Amino acid sequence: MILLDIWSKEHFDVKGDIVVGIPARDVLLVTGSEDTENLVKMRKIAADIFETGAHIITDSLFVFRSGIFQILE
């Protein structure tokens, strides 16, 4: 997430703003803020990995808006 210039529609063709989940150090989930079905799936996957995985980071999702990542409410 540190390389902010890669988080664009050019690199990630998603519906709405880019949403990421990083439940473990070796897992990156990406979808769009307007993709309701995949947001539900992503929340479940992130929670499952966070609960049972190794090297966990967070079960929060983050949305990329105005050049920064914010926790998705």
Protein backbone atom coordinates (compact mmCIF):
# COMPACT_ATOMS: atom_id res chain seq x y z
CA MET A 1 0.00 0.00 0.00
CA ILE A 2 3.01 2.26 0.34
CA LEU A 3 3.39 2.77 -3.42
CA LEU A 4 0.39 5.04 -3.88
CA ASP A 5 0.88 5.56 -7.62
CA ILE A 6 -0.12 1.96 -8.42
CA TRP A 7 -3.62 2.38 -6.96
CA SER A 8 -5.45 3.62 -10.05
CA LYS A 9 -8.18 2.50 -12.45
CA GLU A 10 -5.39 1.88 -14.94
CA HIS A 11 -4.08 -0.93 -12.74
CA PHE A 12 -7.31 -2.05 -11.04
CA ASP A 13 -10.47 -1.99 -13.14
CA VAL A 14 -13.05 -2.04 -10.34
CA LYS A 15 -16.53 -0.59 -9.84
CA GLY A 16 -16.17 2.58 -7.79
CA ASP A 17 -13.19 3.37 -5.60
CA ILE A 18 -10.52 0.75 -4.96
CA VAL A 19 -11.10 -1.23 -1.78
CA VAL A 20 -8.39 -3.47 -0.32
CA GLY A 21 -8.15 -5.97 2.49
CA ILE A 22 -4.89 -7.19 3.99
CA PRO A 23 -5.87 -9.87 6.47
CA ALA A 24 -2.42 -11.50 6.48
CA ARG A 25 1.04 -10.60 5.30
CA ASP A 26 0.70 -12.80 2.21
CA VAL A 27 -2.90 -11.94 1.25
CA LEU A 28 -4.16 -8.90 -0.65
CA LEU A 29 -7.86 -8.64 -1.54
CA VAL A 30 -9.07 -6.01 -4.04
CA THR A 31 -12.54 -4.99 -5.22
CA GLY A 32 -14.54 -1.85 -5.87
CA SER A 33 -16.59 0.25 -3.46
CA GLU A 34 -19.67 -0.13 -5.67
CA ASP A 35 -19.37 -3.93 -6.01
CA THR A 36 -21.70 -4.90 -3.17
CA GLU A 37 -21.55 -8.64 -3.78
CA ASN A 38 -17.75 -8.78 -3.74
CA LEU A 39 -17.53 -6.44 -0.74
CA VAL A 40 -19.62 -8.92 1.26
CA LYS A 41 -17.40 -11.79 0.10
CA MET A 42 -14.25 -9.83 0.83
CA ARG A 43 -15.37 -8.96 4.37
CA LYS A 44 -16.04 -12.66 5.05
CA ILE A 45 -12.74 -13.80 3.56
CA ALA A 46 -10.80 -11.15 5.50
CA ALA A 47 -12.56 -12.09 8.75
CA ASP A 48 -11.98 -15.82 8.19
CA ILE A 49 -8.29 -15.35 7.43
CA PHE A 50 -7.87 -12.95 10.34
CA GLU A 51 -9.47 -15.48 12.68
CA THR A 52 -7.67 -18.62 11.48
CA GLY A 53 -4.65 -17.54 9.44
CA ALA A 54 -1.00 -17.11 10.20
CA HIS A 55 0.82 -13.77 10.22
CA ILE A 56 -2.43 -11.83 10.52
CA ILE A 57 -2.58 -8.07 10.02
CA THR A 58 -6.16 -6.75 10.12
CA ASP A 59 -9.71 -7.67 9.23
CA SER A 60 -10.48 -4.04 8.28
CA LEU A 61 -11.05 -2.99 4.69
CA PHE A 62 -9.56 0.20 3.27
CA VAL A 63 -10.84 2.45 0.49
CA PHE A 64 -8.50 4.56 -1.65
CA ARG A 65 -9.95 8.06 -2.00
CA SER A 66 -8.30 11.39 -2.74
CA GLY A 67 -4.87 9.79 -2.84
CA ILE A 68 -5.01 8.10 0.58
CA PHE A 69 -6.31 4.90 2.13
CA GLN A 70 -9.07 5.25 4.71
CA ILE A 71 -10.81 2.60 6.77
CA LEU A 72 -13.99 1.58 4.96
CA GLU A 73 -16.96 2.01 7.26
